Amino acid sequence: MSIRRSPERSAHRSHQVLPAHALWALDWKSFGRPVDTPMLGDVLVFTRNGGGHVTLYVGEDDDAYHCLGGNQHDSVCISRIAKARKPVFRRPAYSAEPPNIRAIRLASSGAMSTAEA
Protein backbone atom coordinates (compact mmCIF):
# COMPACT_ATOMS: atom_id res chain seq x y z
CA MET A 1 0.00 0.00 0.00
CA SER A 2 1.42 3.39 -0.93
CA ILE A 3 0.62 6.62 0.84
CA ARG A 4 -0.14 9.60 -1.34
CA ARG A 5 0.46 13.05 0.06
CA SER A 6 -1.16 16.12 -1.33
CA PRO A 7 0.97 19.22 -1.92
CA GLU A 8 -0.82 20.87 1.01
CA ARG A 9 0.28 18.04 3.30
CA SER A 10 3.87 18.22 2.08
CA ALA A 11 3.90 21.98 2.56
CA HIS A 12 2.54 21.53 6.06
CA ARG A 13 5.20 18.97 6.97
CA SER A 14 8.04 21.19 5.74
CA HIS A 15 6.48 24.36 7.17
CA GLN A 16 6.84 25.97 3.73
CA VAL A 17 4.09 27.70 1.82
CA LEU A 18 4.16 26.50 -1.77
CA PRO A 19 3.10 28.71 -4.68
CA ALA A 20 -0.58 28.52 -5.51
CA HIS A 21 0.27 26.92 -8.87
CA ALA A 22 3.45 24.99 -8.06
CA LEU A 23 3.65 23.47 -11.56
CA TRP A 24 3.79 26.95 -13.11
CA ALA A 25 7.49 27.94 -12.99
CA LEU A 26 6.96 31.70 -12.72
CA ASP A 27 4.75 31.26 -9.63
CA TRP A 28 7.91 30.26 -7.72
CA LYS A 29 8.83 33.99 -7.71
CA SER A 30 6.62 34.17 -4.61
CA PHE A 31 8.18 31.21 -2.75
CA GLY A 32 10.04 31.74 0.52
CA ARG A 33 11.79 35.07 0.78
CA PRO A 34 13.78 37.13 -1.73
CA VAL A 35 17.58 37.28 -1.44
CA ASP A 36 20.18 39.31 -3.35
CA THR A 37 22.85 36.60 -3.56
CA PRO A 38 22.01 32.96 -4.28
CA MET A 39 23.40 30.23 -2.05
CA LEU A 40 23.26 26.44 -1.88
CA GLY A 41 19.68 25.20 -2.13
CA ASP A 42 18.09 28.49 -3.13
CA VAL A 43 15.39 28.54 -5.80
CA LEU A 44 16.27 30.40 -9.01
CA VAL A 45 13.46 31.44 -11.35
CA PHE A 46 14.37 32.30 -14.94
CA THR A 47 12.15 33.85 -17.59
CA ARG A 48 12.42 32.28 -21.04
CA ASN A 49 10.48 32.35 -24.30
CA GLY A 50 7.15 30.68 -23.65
CA GLY A 51 7.25 30.94 -19.85
CA GLY A 52 9.76 30.31 -17.14
CA HIS A 53 12.11 27.78 -15.62
CA VAL A 54 12.65 27.01 -11.93
CA THR A 55 15.84 25.40 -10.60
CA LEU A 56 17.90 24.91 -7.47
CA TYR A 57 21.25 26.65 -7.05
CA VAL A 58 24.20 24.29 -6.67
CA GLY A 59 27.00 26.72 -7.54
CA GLU A 60 28.31 29.31 -9.95
CA ASP A 61 31.26 30.38 -12.04
CA ASP A 62 32.06 33.86 -13.36
CA ASP A 63 29.46 33.70 -16.15
CA ALA A 64 26.81 31.18 -15.11
CA TYR A 65 24.77 29.68 -12.32
CA HIS A 66 24.98 25.88 -12.07
CA CYS A 67 21.38 24.81 -11.63
CA LEU A 68 19.76 21.50 -10.73
CA GLY A 69 16.51 21.13 -12.60
CA GLY A 70 13.95 18.39 -12.87
CA ASN A 71 13.14 18.94 -16.54
CA GLN A 72 16.18 20.42 -18.23
CA HIS A 73 16.82 18.96 -21.65
CA ASP A 74 14.27 16.22 -20.87
CA SER A 75 16.25 15.00 -17.86
CA VAL A 76 17.18 15.75 -14.27
CA CYS A 77 20.58 17.40 -14.56
CA ILE A 78 22.79 20.31 -13.64
CA SER A 79 22.96 22.98 -16.34
CA ARG A 80 24.97 26.19 -16.66
CA ILE A 81 22.57 29.11 -17.15
CA ALA A 82 23.93 32.57 -17.97
CA LYS A 83 23.93 35.11 -15.16
CA ALA A 84 22.92 37.68 -17.79
CA ARG A 85 19.43 36.10 -17.78
CA LYS A 86 18.97 37.71 -14.34
CA PRO A 87 16.94 35.15 -12.39
CA VAL A 88 14.92 35.85 -9.27
CA PHE A 89 16.54 34.33 -6.15
CA ARG A 90 14.30 32.87 -3.43
CA ARG A 91 15.30 31.19 -0.18
CA PRO A 92 13.02 28.92 1.82
CA ALA A 93 11.71 30.58 4.96
CA TYR A 94 13.75 28.43 7.34
CA SER A 95 12.91 28.47 11.03
CA ALA A 96 16.60 27.64 11.59
CA GLU A 97 18.86 28.15 8.57
CA PRO A 98 21.08 25.11 7.86
CA PRO A 99 24.80 25.75 8.46
CA ASN A 100 25.81 24.65 4.95
CA ILE A 101 24.04 27.49 3.14
CA ARG A 102 26.75 29.37 1.30
CA ALA A 103 27.80 30.49 -2.17
CA ILE A 104 29.63 27.73 -4.08
CA ARG A 105 32.35 28.61 -6.62
CA LEU A 106 32.77 26.06 -9.41
CA ALA A 107 34.95 25.69 -12.49
CA SER A 108 33.54 27.04 -15.71
CA SER A 109 33.01 23.87 -17.77
CA GLY A 110 30.30 22.60 -20.06
CA ALA A 111 28.06 24.31 -22.56
CA MET A 112 25.82 27.21 -21.58
CA SER A 113 22.12 26.30 -21.61
CA THR A 114 19.94 28.45 -23.84
CA ALA A 115 16.63 26.53 -23.75
CA GLU A 116 15.80 24.34 -20.78
CA ALA A 117 12.59 22.79 -22.10
C-alpha atoms as a PDB file:
ATOM      1  CA  MET A   1       0.000   0.000   0.000  1.00  0.00           C
ATOM      2  CA  SER A   2       1.419   3.392  -0.929  1.00  0.00           C
ATOM      3  CA  ILE A   3       0.620   6.619   0.843  1.00  0.00           C
ATOM      4  CA  ARG A   4      -0.141   9.603  -1.337  1.00  0.00           C
ATOM      5  CA  ARG A   5       0.461  13.045   0.061  1.00  0.00           C
ATOM      6  CA  SER A   6      -1.164  16.122  -1.327  1.00  0.00           C
ATOM      7  CA  PRO A   7       0.971  19.224  -1.923  1.00  0.00           C
ATOM      8  CA  GLU A   8      -0.819  20.871   1.008  1.00  0.00           C
ATOM      9  CA  ARG A   9       0.275  18.042   3.301  1.00  0.00           C
ATOM     10  CA  SER A  10       3.871  18.222   2.081  1.00  0.00           C
ATOM     11  CA  ALA A  11       3.899  21.981   2.555  1.00  0.00           C
ATOM     12  CA  HIS A  12       2.539  21.528   6.063  1.00  0.00           C
ATOM     13  CA  ARG A  13       5.201  18.965   6.967  1.00  0.00           C
ATOM     14  CA  SER A  14       8.038  21.189   5.738  1.00  0.00           C
ATOM     15  CA  HIS A  15       6.481  24.356   7.170  1.00  0.00           C
ATOM     16  CA  GLN A  16       6.844  25.966   3.733  1.00  0.00           C
ATOM     17  CA  VAL A  17       4.093  27.702   1.815  1.00  0.00           C
ATOM     18  CA  LEU A  18       4.162  26.496  -1.774  1.00  0.00           C
ATOM     19  CA  PRO A  19       3.101  28.712  -4.675  1.00  0.00           C
ATOM     20  CA  ALA A  20      -0.583  28.521  -5.513  1.00  0.00           C
ATOM     21  CA  HIS A  21       0.270  26.919  -8.870  1.00  0.00           C
ATOM     22  CA  ALA A  22       3.449  24.986  -8.059  1.00  0.00           C
ATOM     23  CA  LEU A  23       3.651  23.468 -11.556  1.00  0.00           C
ATOM     24  CA  TRP A  24       3.793  26.951 -13.110  1.00  0.00           C
ATOM     25  CA  ALA A  25       7.486  27.942 -12.985  1.00  0.00           C
ATOM     26  CA  LEU A  26       6.962  31.696 -12.724  1.00  0.00           C
ATOM     27  CA  ASP A  27       4.752  31.263  -9.633  1.00  0.00           C
ATOM     28  CA  TRP A  28       7.909  30.264  -7.723  1.00  0.00           C
ATOM     29  CA  LYS A  29       8.825  33.985  -7.712  1.00  0.00           C
ATOM     30  CA  SER A  30       6.616  34.175  -4.605  1.00  0.00           C
ATOM     31  CA  PHE A  31       8.177  31.209  -2.754  1.00  0.00           C
ATOM     32  CA  GLY A  32      10.045  31.744   0.521  1.00  0.00           C
ATOM     33  CA  ARG A  33      11.794  35.075   0.785  1.00  0.00           C
ATOM     34  CA  PRO A  34      13.785  37.132  -1.726  1.00  0.00           C
ATOM     35  CA  VAL A  35      17.584  37.279  -1.445  1.00  0.00           C
ATOM     36  CA  ASP A  36      20.176  39.306  -3.345  1.00  0.00           C
ATOM     37  CA  THR A  37      22.846  36.602  -3.562  1.00  0.00           C
ATOM     38  CA  PRO A  38      22.008  32.959  -4.283  1.00  0.00           C
ATOM     39  CA  MET A  39      23.398  30.231  -2.055  1.00  0.00           C
ATOM     40  CA  LEU A  40      23.265  26.443  -1.877  1.00  0.00           C
ATOM     41  CA  GLY A  41      19.677  25.196  -2.126  1.00  0.00           C
ATOM     42  CA  ASP A  42      18.090  28.492  -3.131  1.00  0.00           C
ATOM     43  CA  VAL A  43      15.388  28.536  -5.796  1.00  0.00           C
ATOM     44  CA  LEU A  44      16.270  30.396  -9.008  1.00  0.00           C
ATOM     45  CA  VAL A  45      13.460  31.442 -11.349  1.00  0.00           C
ATOM     46  CA  PHE A  46      14.365  32.305 -14.942  1.00  0.00           C
ATOM     47  CA  THR A  47      12.153  33.851 -17.594  1.00  0.00           C
ATOM     48  CA  ARG A  48      12.417  32.285 -21.037  1.00  0.00           C
ATOM     49  CA  ASN A  49      10.476  32.347 -24.304  1.00  0.00           C
ATOM     50  CA  GLY A  50       7.149  30.683 -23.647  1.00  0.00           C
ATOM     51  CA  GLY A  51       7.247  30.944 -19.853  1.00  0.00           C
ATOM     52  CA  GLY A  52       9.761  30.309 -17.138  1.00  0.00           C
ATOM     53  CA  HIS A  53      12.110  27.784 -15.615  1.00  0.00           C
ATOM     54  CA  VAL A  54      12.655  27.010 -11.932  1.00  0.00           C
ATOM     55  CA  THR A  55      15.842  25.395 -10.603  1.00  0.00           C
ATOM     56  CA  LEU A  56      17.905  24.906  -7.468  1.00  0.00           C
ATOM     57  CA  TYR A  57      21.254  26.652  -7.055  1.00  0.00           C
ATOM     58  CA  VAL A  58      24.202  24.286  -6.670  1.00  0.00           C
ATOM     59  CA  GLY A  59      26.998  26.723  -7.538  1.00  0.00           C
ATOM     60  CA  GLU A  60      28.312  29.311  -9.949  1.00  0.00           C
ATOM     61  CA  ASP A  61      31.263  30.382 -12.043  1.00  0.00           C
ATOM     62  CA  ASP A  62      32.059  33.859 -13.360  1.00  0.00           C
ATOM     63  CA  ASP A  63      29.462  33.702 -16.152  1.00  0.00           C
ATOM     64  CA  ALA A  64      26.812  31.185 -15.109  1.00  0.00           C
ATOM     65  CA  TYR A  65      24.773  29.676 -12.320  1.00  0.00           C
ATOM     66  CA  HIS A  66      24.981  25.883 -12.070  1.00  0.00           C
ATOM     67  CA  CYS A  67      21.383  24.806 -11.626  1.00  0.00           C
ATOM     68  CA  LEU A  68      19.761  21.499 -10.734  1.00  0.00           C
ATOM     69  CA  GLY A  69      16.508  21.133 -12.600  1.00  0.00           C
ATOM     70  CA  GLY A  70      13.948  18.389 -12.872  1.00  0.00           C
ATOM     71  CA  ASN A  71      13.139  18.944 -16.535  1.00  0.00           C
ATOM     72  CA  GLN A  72      16.175  20.424 -18.226  1.00  0.00           C
ATOM     73  CA  HIS A  73      16.822  18.965 -21.653  1.00  0.00           C
ATOM     74  CA  ASP A  74      14.267  16.222 -20.867  1.00  0.00           C
ATOM     75  CA  SER A  75      16.248  15.003 -17.855  1.00  0.00           C
ATOM     76  CA  VAL A  76      17.177  15.748 -14.274  1.00  0.00           C
ATOM     77  CA  CYS A  77      20.578  17.398 -14.557  1.00  0.00           C
ATOM     78  CA  ILE A  78      22.790  20.312 -13.644  1.00  0.00           C
ATOM     79  CA  SER A  79      22.965  22.982 -16.344  1.00  0.00           C
ATOM     80  CA  ARG A  80      24.969  26.186 -16.660  1.00  0.00           C
ATOM     81  CA  ILE A  81      22.568  29.108 -17.149  1.00  0.00           C
ATOM     82  CA  ALA A  82      23.927  32.567 -17.967  1.00  0.00           C
ATOM     83  CA  LYS A  83      23.932  35.114 -15.160  1.00  0.00           C
ATOM     84  CA  ALA A  84      22.917  37.679 -17.787  1.00  0.00           C
ATOM     85  CA  ARG A  85      19.432  36.095 -17.783  1.00  0.00           C
ATOM     86  CA  LYS A  86      18.969  37.714 -14.344  1.00  0.00           C
ATOM     87  CA  PRO A  87      16.938  35.154 -12.392  1.00  0.00           C
ATOM     88  CA  VAL A  88      14.925  35.850  -9.270  1.00  0.00           C
ATOM     89  CA  PHE A  89      16.539  34.334  -6.155  1.00  0.00           C
ATOM     90  CA  ARG A  90      14.302  32.870  -3.430  1.00  0.00           C
ATOM     91  CA  ARG A  91      15.299  31.193  -0.181  1.00  0.00           C
ATOM     92  CA  PRO A  92      13.023  28.917   1.820  1.00  0.00           C
ATOM     93  CA  ALA A  93      11.711  30.582   4.960  1.00  0.00           C
ATOM     94  CA  TYR A  94      13.752  28.430   7.340  1.00  0.00           C
ATOM     95  CA  SER A  95      12.914  28.466  11.031  1.00  0.00           C
ATOM     96  CA  ALA A  96      16.604  27.638  11.587  1.00  0.00           C
ATOM     97  CA  GLU A  97      18.859  28.148   8.573  1.00  0.00           C
ATOM     98  CA  PRO A  98      21.077  25.112   7.863  1.00  0.00           C
ATOM     99  CA  PRO A  99      24.797  25.750   8.458  1.00  0.00           C
ATOM    100  CA  ASN A 100      25.812  24.649   4.947  1.00  0.00           C
ATOM    101  CA  ILE A 101      24.038  27.489   3.143  1.00  0.00           C
ATOM    102  CA  ARG A 102      26.751  29.366   1.295  1.00  0.00           C
ATOM    103  CA  ALA A 103      27.801  30.485  -2.171  1.00  0.00           C
ATOM    104  CA  ILE A 104      29.628  27.730  -4.077  1.00  0.00           C
ATOM    105  CA  ARG A 105      32.355  28.609  -6.622  1.00  0.00           C
ATOM    106  CA  LEU A 106      32.766  26.057  -9.410  1.00  0.00           C
ATOM    107  CA  ALA A 107      34.946  25.686 -12.490  1.00  0.00           C
ATOM    108  CA  SER A 108      33.538  27.036 -15.705  1.00  0.00           C
ATOM    109  CA  SER A 109      33.005  23.868 -17.765  1.00  0.00           C
ATOM    110  CA  GLY A 110      30.299  22.602 -20.055  1.00  0.00           C
ATOM    111  CA  ALA A 111      28.060  24.311 -22.555  1.00  0.00           C
ATOM    112  CA  MET A 112      25.818  27.208 -21.585  1.00  0.00           C
ATOM    113  CA  SER A 113      22.118  26.302 -21.605  1.00  0.00           C
ATOM    114  CA  THR A 114      19.941  28.447 -23.840  1.00  0.00           C
ATOM    115  CA  ALA A 115      16.626  26.534 -23.750  1.00  0.00           C
ATOM    116  CA  GLU A 116      15.804  24.337 -20.782  1.00  0.00           C
ATOM    117  CA  ALA A 117      12.586  22.789 -22.103  1.00  0.00           C
END
